[in-house]
Amino acid sequence: MLEELRKIGLSDLEARCYLVLHEEQGLSGYEVAKRVSVSRTNVYAALRSLTDKGMCRVIQSEPVIYDAVPVDQLVRLLKSDFEQSARALLDQLHAPPQASASFYTWQGAKAIETAIRRLISNAQRCIVANIWAEDTYWVEESLLEAESRGVAVTLISIGSSHTALRSTLARKRSSPGSIAESRKFSLLCDARSALLGSFGRSHKLSALETDHPSLVELLQEEFYQEIVMKQLGQDFGHELQERYGNDYERILLPYKAYFKLPDGSA
């Protein structure tokens, strides 16, 4: 499998590190170096490169732990360019079962874009994307491709978004026309894997990937509430605003103080 991994752009050391992590996930850089019998300096450089290429995921701990991205997901992401190598990889490599739910961090535009494309390309039934209208370009092309495969796709945009996707919901902004310093986004695929992060200048560009059932369930519940509130707004919008104020401010006002910082900011 070393030669096949080289064909998709890995160096010899990167391929050896990937195979080690594929066979035994949850290793530190030191443990990987021991198994490939190469200096830690070179192994850490190879692991950084694998992470940049979206083939290795990082668990931020002490020490940092590395996991290989399951090979079946990589194949689906790369098969259009490396069909022959993908078939060989699928014949020989099978992703080991995950022992428990994990949290992985992605940093930088390229790593996040790759994670978005991989999760969407591996979705088989449904995808819910919640993202600011200004950031829709991060997901639109991949979502359209998934939609063409028969995947049920719903895009929830904060602000009006002009997209060719069939199922979209638009959420109002607190200040029409404004763009927040930090713009959150979430991606829920097949109700089993999720990606959460934010764009903007106030935070370093990063995202969290997880299959933890609690976070997956939270995103599901948020989606259900969006659907319910959208329908209620369509059916009883005038009555709701008259009774509870604009955007339910009369209900929410007593509780907004909970999240105020000592300096008065939210």
Protein backbone atom coordinates (compact mmCIF):
# COMPACT_ATOMS: atom_id res chain seq x y z
CA MET A 1 0.00 0.00 0.00
CA LEU A 2 2.98 2.37 0.27
CA GLU A 3 3.14 2.77 -3.51
CA GLU A 4 -0.61 3.42 -3.76
CA LEU A 5 -0.39 6.07 -1.05
CA ARG A 6 2.50 7.73 -2.91
CA LYS A 7 0.26 7.98 -5.97
CA ILE A 8 -2.11 10.27 -4.09
CA GLY A 9 0.72 12.61 -3.11
CA LEU A 10 2.26 11.19 0.08
CA SER A 11 5.98 10.91 0.73
CA ASP A 12 7.40 7.58 1.86
CA LEU A 13 7.44 8.68 5.51
CA GLU A 14 3.95 10.18 5.32
CA ALA A 15 2.63 6.91 3.89
CA ARG A 16 4.30 4.88 6.65
CA CYS A 17 2.92 7.20 9.35
CA TYR A 18 -0.58 7.00 7.85
CA LEU A 19 -0.48 3.18 7.83
CA VAL A 20 0.65 3.12 11.47
CA LEU A 21 -2.22 5.42 12.48
CA HIS A 22 -4.66 3.46 10.34
CA GLU A 23 -3.82 0.24 12.16
CA GLU A 24 -3.69 1.80 15.64
CA GLN A 25 -5.48 5.10 16.14
CA GLY A 26 -4.95 7.47 19.04
CA LEU A 27 -1.13 7.63 19.03
CA SER A 28 1.20 10.45 20.04
CA GLY A 29 3.95 11.63 17.70
CA TYR A 30 6.48 9.88 19.93
CA GLU A 31 4.61 6.57 19.61
CA VAL A 32 4.39 6.93 15.82
CA ALA A 33 8.15 7.65 15.66
CA LYS A 34 8.89 4.46 17.62
CA ARG A 35 6.80 2.34 15.22
CA VAL A 36 8.35 3.72 12.01
CA SER A 37 11.89 3.89 13.51
CA VAL A 38 12.48 7.45 12.31
CA SER A 39 13.54 10.53 14.29
CA ARG A 40 10.75 12.38 16.07
CA THR A 41 11.63 15.62 14.26
CA ASN A 42 10.98 14.05 10.85
CA VAL A 43 7.88 12.20 12.05
CA TYR A 44 6.32 15.37 13.51
CA ALA A 45 6.95 17.13 10.18
CA ALA A 46 5.26 14.24 8.34
CA LEU A 47 2.27 14.32 10.75
CA ARG A 48 1.89 18.08 10.22
CA SER A 49 1.90 17.49 6.46
CA LEU A 50 -0.69 14.70 6.75
CA THR A 51 -2.87 17.02 8.84
CA ASP A 52 -2.55 19.81 6.26
CA LYS A 53 -3.61 17.36 3.55
CA GLY A 54 -6.70 16.34 5.55
CA MET A 55 -5.54 12.74 5.99
CA CYS A 56 -4.74 12.91 9.69
CA ARG A 57 -6.83 14.41 12.51
CA VAL A 58 -5.58 15.93 15.76
CA ILE A 59 -6.96 15.60 19.26
CA GLN A 60 -5.71 18.58 21.29
CA SER A 61 -4.41 17.00 24.48
CA GLU A 62 -1.13 16.60 26.34
CA PRO A 63 0.55 15.03 24.46
CA VAL A 64 -1.21 15.76 21.15
CA ILE A 65 -2.90 12.62 19.80
CA TYR A 66 -3.19 11.74 16.10
CA ASP A 67 -5.84 9.69 14.30
CA ALA A 68 -5.95 8.67 10.65
CA VAL A 69 -9.02 9.88 8.74
CA PRO A 70 -10.85 6.64 7.81
CA VAL A 71 -9.71 5.46 4.41
CA ASP A 72 -13.24 5.02 3.02
CA GLN A 73 -13.87 8.74 3.52
CA LEU A 74 -10.59 9.64 1.81
CA VAL A 75 -11.42 7.45 -1.15
CA ARG A 76 -14.78 9.12 -1.69
CA LEU A 77 -13.10 12.52 -1.53
CA LEU A 78 -10.31 11.68 -3.98
CA LYS A 79 -11.77 9.03 -6.28
CA SER A 80 -12.55 11.41 -9.15
CA ASP A 81 -8.80 12.11 -9.52
CA PHE A 82 -7.35 8.80 -8.30
CA GLU A 83 -9.91 6.14 -9.27
CA GLN A 84 -7.39 3.38 -9.83
CA SER A 85 -5.51 4.03 -6.59
CA ALA A 86 -8.80 4.37 -4.71
CA ARG A 87 -9.90 0.87 -5.75
CA ALA A 88 -6.61 -0.56 -4.52
CA LEU A 89 -6.90 1.24 -1.20
CA LEU A 90 -10.46 0.03 -0.67
CA ASP A 91 -9.36 -3.54 -1.38
CA GLN A 92 -6.57 -3.44 1.20
CA LEU A 93 -7.47 -0.94 3.89
CA HIS A 94 -10.54 -0.96 6.08
CA ALA A 95 -11.17 1.68 8.71
CA PRO A 96 -10.94 0.24 12.22
CA PRO A 97 -14.03 0.79 14.37
CA GLN A 98 -14.00 3.90 16.55
CA ALA A 99 -13.83 2.90 20.20
CA SER A 100 -15.68 6.02 21.35
CA ALA A 101 -16.79 9.44 20.21
CA SER A 102 -13.96 11.88 19.55
CA PHE A 103 -13.31 15.58 19.04
CA TYR A 104 -10.95 16.70 16.28
CA THR A 105 -9.74 20.23 15.57
CA TRP A 106 -9.04 21.67 12.14
CA GLN A 107 -7.15 24.95 11.72
CA GLY A 108 -6.69 27.10 8.63
CA ALA A 109 -8.80 27.62 5.51
CA LYS A 110 -7.43 24.66 3.52
CA ALA A 111 -7.91 22.12 6.32
CA ILE A 112 -11.46 23.32 7.05
CA GLU A 113 -12.42 23.32 3.37
CA THR A 114 -11.12 19.75 3.01
CA ALA A 115 -13.04 18.62 6.11
CA ILE A 116 -16.24 20.23 4.77
CA ARG A 117 -15.86 18.52 1.39
CA ARG A 118 -15.04 15.15 2.95
CA LEU A 119 -18.03 15.13 5.32
CA ILE A 120 -20.45 16.25 2.61
CA SER A 121 -19.10 13.79 0.02
CA ASN A 122 -19.56 10.92 2.50
CA ALA A 123 -23.14 11.83 3.49
CA GLN A 124 -25.64 9.28 2.19
CA ARG A 125 -29.05 10.41 3.51
CA CYS A 126 -29.26 13.99 4.76
CA ILE A 127 -27.24 17.14 5.37
CA VAL A 128 -28.15 20.26 7.34
CA ALA A 129 -25.84 23.24 6.87
CA ASN A 130 -26.26 26.33 9.08
CA ILE A 131 -24.09 29.20 7.86
CA TRP A 132 -24.02 32.96 7.27
CA ALA A 133 -25.06 34.04 3.78
CA GLU A 134 -21.61 35.59 3.19
CA ASP A 135 -19.95 32.24 3.82
CA THR A 136 -22.23 30.04 1.72
CA TYR A 137 -19.53 29.68 -0.93
CA TRP A 138 -17.63 27.40 1.47
CA VAL A 139 -20.32 24.69 1.17
CA GLU A 140 -22.54 25.42 -1.83
CA GLU A 141 -20.69 23.49 -4.54
CA SER A 142 -20.30 20.37 -2.38
CA LEU A 143 -23.96 20.59 -1.26
CA LEU A 144 -25.15 20.83 -4.86
CA GLU A 145 -23.13 17.73 -5.72
CA ALA A 146 -24.64 15.88 -2.75
CA GLU A 147 -28.13 16.99 -3.80
CA SER A 148 -27.49 15.58 -7.29
CA ARG A 149 -26.68 12.21 -5.63
CA GLY A 150 -30.10 12.14 -3.98
CA VAL A 151 -29.01 13.35 -0.54
CA ALA A 152 -31.63 15.47 1.25
CA VAL A 153 -29.92 18.85 1.75
CA THR A 154 -31.20 21.79 3.80
CA LEU A 155 -29.32 25.08 3.92
CA ILE A 156 -30.12 27.46 6.79
CA SER A 157 -28.59 30.84 5.99
CA ILE A 158 -28.27 33.79 8.34
CA GLY A 159 -29.32 36.56 6.00
CA SER A 160 -30.63 36.15 2.47
CA SER A 161 -28.60 33.76 0.34
CA HIS A 162 -28.90 33.37 -3.43
CA THR A 163 -28.30 29.70 -4.11
CA ALA A 164 -29.41 26.98 -6.50
CA LEU A 165 -30.08 24.57 -3.65
CA ARG A 166 -33.68 23.37 -3.52
CA SER A 167 -34.33 23.50 0.24
CA THR A 168 -33.27 26.69 2.03
CA LEU A 169 -34.34 28.63 5.13
CA ALA A 170 -33.28 32.22 5.75
CA ARG A 171 -32.91 33.56 9.29
CA LYS A 172 -33.20 37.26 10.09
CA ARG A 173 -30.20 39.07 11.51
CA SER A 174 -30.42 41.08 14.69
CA SER A 175 -29.23 44.11 12.68
CA PRO A 176 -30.28 43.94 9.02
CA GLY A 177 -27.32 44.28 6.67
CA SER A 178 -24.73 43.80 9.42
CA ILE A 179 -21.92 41.24 9.32
CA ALA A 180 -20.78 39.89 12.68
CA GLU A 181 -17.11 39.78 13.67
CA SER A 182 -17.52 36.07 14.39
CA ARG A 183 -19.89 34.12 12.14
CA LYS A 184 -20.65 30.62 13.37
CA PHE A 185 -21.40 27.70 11.10
CA SER A 186 -22.37 24.07 11.58
CA LEU A 187 -22.66 21.04 9.36
CA LEU A 188 -24.64 17.92 10.33
CA CYS A 189 -24.34 14.86 8.09
CA ASP A 190 -26.56 11.76 8.38
CA ALA A 191 -27.28 12.66 12.04
CA ARG A 192 -23.96 11.09 13.03
CA SER A 193 -21.10 13.47 12.21
CA ALA A 194 -20.82 17.21 12.75
CA LEU A 195 -18.51 20.11 12.04
CA LEU A 196 -18.77 23.35 14.06
CA GLY A 197 -16.71 26.51 13.75
CA SER A 198 -16.74 30.19 12.90
CA PHE A 199 -15.48 32.59 10.28
CA GLY A 200 -14.51 36.21 10.83
CA ARG A 201 -11.69 38.33 12.18
CA SER A 202 -12.30 37.97 15.91
CA HIS A 203 -11.24 34.30 16.14
CA LYS A 204 -8.55 32.13 14.61
CA LEU A 205 -10.02 30.16 11.71
CA SER A 206 -10.74 26.75 13.21
CA ALA A 207 -13.42 24.07 13.38
CA LEU A 208 -14.35 21.12 15.56
CA GLU A 209 -15.29 17.77 14.02
CA THR A 210 -17.10 15.26 16.20
CA ASP A 211 -19.38 12.26 16.22
CA HIS A 212 -20.31 12.77 19.87
CA PRO A 213 -24.04 11.97 20.21
CA SER A 214 -24.73 14.93 22.54
CA LEU A 215 -23.54 17.54 20.04
CA VAL A 216 -25.17 15.72 17.14
CA GLU A 217 -28.46 15.71 19.07
CA LEU A 218 -28.10 19.44 19.88
CA LEU A 219 -27.73 20.26 16.18
CA GLN A 220 -30.73 18.08 15.37
CA GLU A 221 -32.84 19.86 17.99
CA GLU A 222 -31.72 23.25 16.66
CA PHE A 223 -32.79 22.19 13.18
CA TYR A 224 -36.21 21.01 14.42
CA GLN A 225 -36.73 24.33 16.22
CA GLU A 226 -35.83 26.23 13.03
CA ILE A 227 -38.49 24.28 11.12
CA VAL A 228 -41.13 24.77 13.82
CA MET A 229 -40.45 28.52 14.21
CA LYS A 230 -40.45 29.02 10.45
CA GLN A 231 -43.87 27.39 10.16
CA LEU A 232 -45.30 29.28 13.14
CA GLY A 233 -44.00 32.54 11.70
CA GLN A 234 -45.69 31.81 8.37
CA ASP A 235 -49.00 30.87 10.00
CA PHE A 236 -49.22 33.30 12.95
CA GLY A 237 -46.49 35.88 12.35
CA HIS A 238 -48.58 39.00 13.01
CA GLU A 239 -50.22 37.58 16.14
CA LEU A 240 -46.90 36.37 17.57
CA GLN A 241 -45.23 39.74 17.04
CA GLU A 242 -48.16 41.61 18.56
CA ARG A 243 -48.17 39.42 21.65
CA TYR A 244 -44.46 38.71 22.21
CA GLY A 245 -42.71 41.59 20.44
CA ASN A 246 -40.30 41.60 17.52
CA ASP A 247 -38.24 38.37 17.50
CA TYR A 248 -39.92 37.35 20.81
CA GLU A 249 -38.08 40.11 22.70
CA ARG A 250 -40.67 40.23 25.51
CA ILE A 251 -40.00 36.56 26.28
CA LEU A 252 -36.22 36.72 25.94
CA LEU A 253 -35.42 40.06 27.57
CA PRO A 254 -35.40 38.81 31.21
CA TYR A 255 -32.95 36.04 30.28
CA LYS A 256 -30.48 37.96 28.12
CA ALA A 257 -28.80 39.29 31.25
CA TYR A 258 -27.62 35.75 32.00
CA PHE A 259 -25.03 35.99 29.23
CA LYS A 260 -23.78 39.52 29.88
CA LEU A 261 -20.12 39.89 30.78
CA PRO A 262 -19.09 42.16 33.70
CA ASP A 263 -18.27 44.96 31.24
CA GLY A 264 -21.81 44.75 29.87
CA SER A 265 -20.92 43.07 26.56
CA ALA A 266 -22.69 39.90 25.38
